[in-house]
Amino acid sequence: MTPDQQKFQRDLARKHIARARESAKSHPMSDQRIAAAIAPMIGAEVGQVLKWMREMPNG
């Protein structure tokens, strides 16, 4: 995967993560569960999504 593709995938994941965390305020979800739900949508590993979640400012 090219660096541009990886950046796009990470940015897409961050948008999904932010949306999931916002909806988790009314229905709590663990980071693991959020990552497991997002990973197949963007074609990434759950571990990679968790890494990106930890890199986010509110992560």
N, C-alpha and C. Protein backbone atom coordinates (compact mmCIF):
# COMPACT_ATOMS: atom_id res chain seq x y z
N MET A 1 0.84 -1.16 0.00
CA MET A 1 0.00 0.00 0.00
C MET A 1 0.90 1.24 0.00
N THR A 2 0.55 2.19 -0.83
CA THR A 2 1.36 3.41 -0.92
C THR A 2 1.12 4.30 0.31
N PRO A 3 2.03 5.21 0.58
CA PRO A 3 1.84 6.12 1.71
C PRO A 3 0.54 6.94 1.61
N ASP A 4 0.18 7.34 0.41
CA ASP A 4 -1.07 8.10 0.23
C ASP A 4 -2.28 7.24 0.57
N GLN A 5 -2.24 5.98 0.18
CA GLN A 5 -3.34 5.08 0.49
C GLN A 5 -3.43 4.83 2.00
N GLN A 6 -2.29 4.70 2.65
CA GLN A 6 -2.28 4.50 4.10
C GLN A 6 -2.82 5.73 4.82
N LYS A 7 -2.45 6.90 4.35
CA LYS A 7 -2.95 8.14 4.95
C LYS A 7 -4.45 8.24 4.78
N PHE A 8 -4.95 7.92 3.59
CA PHE A 8 -6.39 7.95 3.34
C PHE A 8 -7.10 6.96 4.27
N GLN A 9 -6.55 5.75 4.39
CA GLN A 9 -7.16 4.73 5.25
C GLN A 9 -7.18 5.21 6.71
N ARG A 10 -6.09 5.80 7.18
CA ARG A 10 -6.03 6.31 8.56
C ARG A 10 -7.05 7.44 8.76
N ASP A 11 -7.13 8.36 7.81
CA ASP A 11 -8.08 9.46 7.92
C ASP A 11 -9.52 8.96 7.94
N LEU A 12 -9.80 7.97 7.11
CA LEU A 12 -11.13 7.37 7.07
C LEU A 12 -11.44 6.70 8.41
N ALA A 13 -10.46 5.99 8.94
CA ALA A 13 -10.65 5.33 10.24
C ALA A 13 -10.92 6.36 11.32
N ARG A 14 -10.20 7.45 11.32
CA ARG A 14 -10.39 8.48 12.34
C ARG A 14 -11.79 9.08 12.28
N LYS A 15 -12.33 9.25 11.08
CA LYS A 15 -13.70 9.76 10.95
C LYS A 15 -14.69 8.76 11.55
N HIS A 16 -14.50 7.48 11.24
CA HIS A 16 -15.39 6.45 11.79
C HIS A 16 -15.24 6.35 13.31
N ILE A 17 -14.02 6.46 13.80
CA ILE A 17 -13.77 6.39 15.24
C ILE A 17 -14.48 7.54 15.95
N ALA A 18 -14.34 8.75 15.42
CA ALA A 18 -14.98 9.90 16.03
C ALA A 18 -16.50 9.73 16.07
N ARG A 19 -17.06 9.23 14.99
CA ARG A 19 -18.51 9.00 14.93
C ARG A 19 -18.93 7.94 15.94
N ALA A 20 -18.15 6.87 16.04
CA ALA A 20 -18.48 5.79 16.98
C ALA A 20 -18.36 6.25 18.43
N ARG A 21 -17.33 7.04 18.72
CA ARG A 21 -17.17 7.54 20.09
C ARG A 21 -18.30 8.49 20.45
N GLU A 22 -18.76 9.28 19.50
CA GLU A 22 -19.88 10.19 19.76
C GLU A 22 -21.15 9.40 20.07
N SER A 23 -21.41 8.37 19.29
CA SER A 23 -22.61 7.56 19.55
C SER A 23 -22.46 6.71 20.80
N ALA A 24 -21.22 6.44 21.22
CA ALA A 24 -20.98 5.63 22.42
C ALA A 24 -21.31 6.39 23.69
N LYS A 25 -21.51 7.69 23.58
CA LYS A 25 -21.88 8.47 24.77
C LYS A 25 -23.24 8.04 25.31
N SER A 26 -24.14 7.66 24.41
CA SER A 26 -25.46 7.21 24.85
C SER A 26 -25.51 5.70 25.03
N HIS A 27 -24.59 4.99 24.40
CA HIS A 27 -24.53 3.53 24.50
C HIS A 27 -23.05 3.14 24.55
N PRO A 28 -22.49 3.02 25.75
CA PRO A 28 -21.04 2.79 25.90
C PRO A 28 -20.52 1.57 25.13
N MET A 29 -19.37 1.77 24.49
CA MET A 29 -18.68 0.70 23.77
C MET A 29 -17.20 0.79 24.10
N SER A 30 -16.54 -0.35 24.22
CA SER A 30 -15.10 -0.36 24.47
C SER A 30 -14.36 0.00 23.18
N ASP A 31 -13.11 0.46 23.34
CA ASP A 31 -12.29 0.75 22.16
C ASP A 31 -12.10 -0.49 21.30
N GLN A 32 -11.96 -1.65 21.94
CA GLN A 32 -11.78 -2.91 21.21
C GLN A 32 -13.00 -3.19 20.32
N ARG A 33 -14.18 -2.96 20.86
CA ARG A 33 -15.40 -3.22 20.10
C ARG A 33 -15.55 -2.21 18.96
N ILE A 34 -15.23 -0.95 19.22
CA ILE A 34 -15.28 0.06 18.16
C ILE A 34 -14.31 -0.30 17.05
N ALA A 35 -13.08 -0.68 17.42
CA ALA A 35 -12.06 -1.06 16.42
C ALA A 35 -12.50 -2.27 15.61
N ALA A 36 -13.10 -3.24 16.29
CA ALA A 36 -13.55 -4.45 15.58
C ALA A 36 -14.67 -4.13 14.59
N ALA A 37 -15.48 -3.14 14.90
CA ALA A 37 -16.56 -2.75 13.99
C ALA A 37 -16.04 -1.94 12.81
N ILE A 38 -15.02 -1.14 13.04
CA ILE A 38 -14.51 -0.24 12.00
C ILE A 38 -13.54 -0.94 11.05
N ALA A 39 -12.72 -1.83 11.56
CA ALA A 39 -11.66 -2.47 10.77
C ALA A 39 -12.15 -3.07 9.44
N PRO A 40 -13.22 -3.86 9.44
CA PRO A 40 -13.65 -4.43 8.15
C PRO A 40 -14.17 -3.38 7.16
N MET A 41 -14.70 -2.28 7.68
CA MET A 41 -15.23 -1.24 6.79
C MET A 41 -14.12 -0.54 6.01
N ILE A 42 -12.94 -0.46 6.62
CA ILE A 42 -11.85 0.27 5.96
C ILE A 42 -10.75 -0.65 5.45
N GLY A 43 -10.87 -1.95 5.71
CA GLY A 43 -9.87 -2.90 5.23
C GLY A 43 -8.58 -2.89 6.01
N ALA A 44 -8.68 -2.70 7.32
CA ALA A 44 -7.48 -2.66 8.17
C ALA A 44 -7.60 -3.73 9.26
N GLU A 45 -6.48 -3.98 9.92
CA GLU A 45 -6.45 -4.90 11.05
C GLU A 45 -7.00 -4.19 12.28
N VAL A 46 -7.61 -4.94 13.18
CA VAL A 46 -8.13 -4.37 14.42
C VAL A 46 -7.01 -3.71 15.22
N GLY A 47 -5.86 -4.34 15.28
CA GLY A 47 -4.72 -3.78 16.00
C GLY A 47 -4.28 -2.44 15.45
N GLN A 48 -4.33 -2.31 14.13
CA GLN A 48 -3.95 -1.04 13.50
C GLN A 48 -4.96 0.05 13.86
N VAL A 49 -6.23 -0.29 13.84
CA VAL A 49 -7.26 0.68 14.20
C VAL A 49 -7.09 1.11 15.66
N LEU A 50 -6.79 0.16 16.54
CA LEU A 50 -6.55 0.50 17.95
C LEU A 50 -5.36 1.44 18.08
N LYS A 51 -4.32 1.21 17.29
CA LYS A 51 -3.15 2.09 17.31
C LYS A 51 -3.54 3.51 16.91
N TRP A 52 -4.33 3.64 15.85
CA TRP A 52 -4.77 4.95 15.41
C TRP A 52 -5.65 5.60 16.46
N MET A 53 -6.45 4.80 17.17
CA MET A 53 -7.30 5.34 18.22
C MET A 53 -6.45 5.94 19.35
N ARG A 54 -5.37 5.25 19.71
CA ARG A 54 -4.48 5.75 20.75
C ARG A 54 -3.77 7.02 20.33
N GLU A 55 -3.53 7.20 19.03
CA GLU A 55 -2.86 8.40 18.51
C GLU A 55 -3.77 9.61 18.47
N MET A 56 -5.09 9.39 18.52
CA MET A 56 -6.02 10.50 18.46
C MET A 56 -5.97 11.30 19.77
N PRO A 57 -6.21 12.61 19.69
CA PRO A 57 -6.12 13.46 20.88
C PRO A 57 -6.99 13.02 22.06
N ASN A 58 -8.21 12.57 21.78
CA ASN A 58 -9.08 12.15 22.89
C ASN A 58 -9.04 10.65 23.11
N GLY A 59 -8.05 9.99 22.58
CA GLY A 59 -7.93 8.54 22.70
C GLY A 59 -7.15 8.17 23.88
